[in-house]
Amino acid sequence: MDRFVYIHGFNSGAESRSGRLLEQLLQQPVIRPQCDYSLPFAQCLDDMRRQISRQVSPSDRVCLMGSSLGGFYALNLRGPAICHVVAWNPVIYPAVQLEPFTGRNTRFTDGGEWEFTRRTLLSYAGAPDPRPWHNRIWQEEQARDGGSGGRTAAPPPRDIYLGTHDELLNSPLARAYWQGAATLHDIDAGHSIADYSHAADVLKRGSVQGFEGGRPGGE
C-alpha cells in the first residue's frame, strides 16, 4: 500500500493546518506523528521512527513529507519503505538556525508551551549530513585510512520546495546546500505554506506510485 506521512514544523503539532491541507489535496489519510522537539536530536529521531513504524507495514511504500524542522527530519529519516521525500523550506543547520528559538515557545496548534533548551539546540551539531555524496566522500576517506569503505544505498528521490519570500530561513542557502542532491522548486510563498496545490502533480504522480514491479534503492 502507498502511504503518506507528514512531519510538522517546530512550533506546530500533529493537528497542523498543513497536515489537513495535504490530506485534502491527496484525498487520503496522512499519517501525522506528534513530534516532541524538546528532545535532543537523536531521541527525537528515534521517537518519530517508532511512531511511523507503528502505522506502516513492511510491505508499504512511503512518501515522507515535512515542513521546516519537519522537513529536516524527513530528509534525515531512513528506512527501506521510504520511496519518496518531499520537503518545504527545510531547516539546513538547526544548531545555528534554531538558536533564536531557545527558551519558552508556544505551539500554534494548541497553545501549549514548551521549552527548547540550549542542550537540545547543541544536540543538532551531531546530526548527519543527509546529502548522498557526503557519505561517499566519508567512505572513501575511511577506505583510504584502512576502513571498510562499503557502499551506501542511494537515497530515495527528493523534491524540495523553497519559498522565495521565506522570512525565517535563507532559501538561497538551502538551494546551494541541496543543489545536485534533490529536485528543487522555487515557489511564491513565505516560510509557512498556505496552499499546497503547487505540489499536486509531484505528490499524485508520485514517486511512490512510480516504482512499479519493485522497490527503489532507498536506504
Foldseek 3Di string as FASTA:
>chain_A
DEAEEEEEDDQAFQPDPVLVQVCVLQVHHYHGHGFDLLDADVVRLVVVVVSVPVVDDPPYAYEYEYAACRLVSQLQDFDQNYAEYEYENYDQQQLPLCVVVAAWDAHPHPRDIDGNHNVNSVSSVPRDLSFQVVLQVVLVVCVVVPHDSDHDFQAHAYEYEYAPAAPRDDRVVVCVSCPPRHHYHYDPDYRDDPHDPVCSCDPVVDSRVVDPPDTDRHD
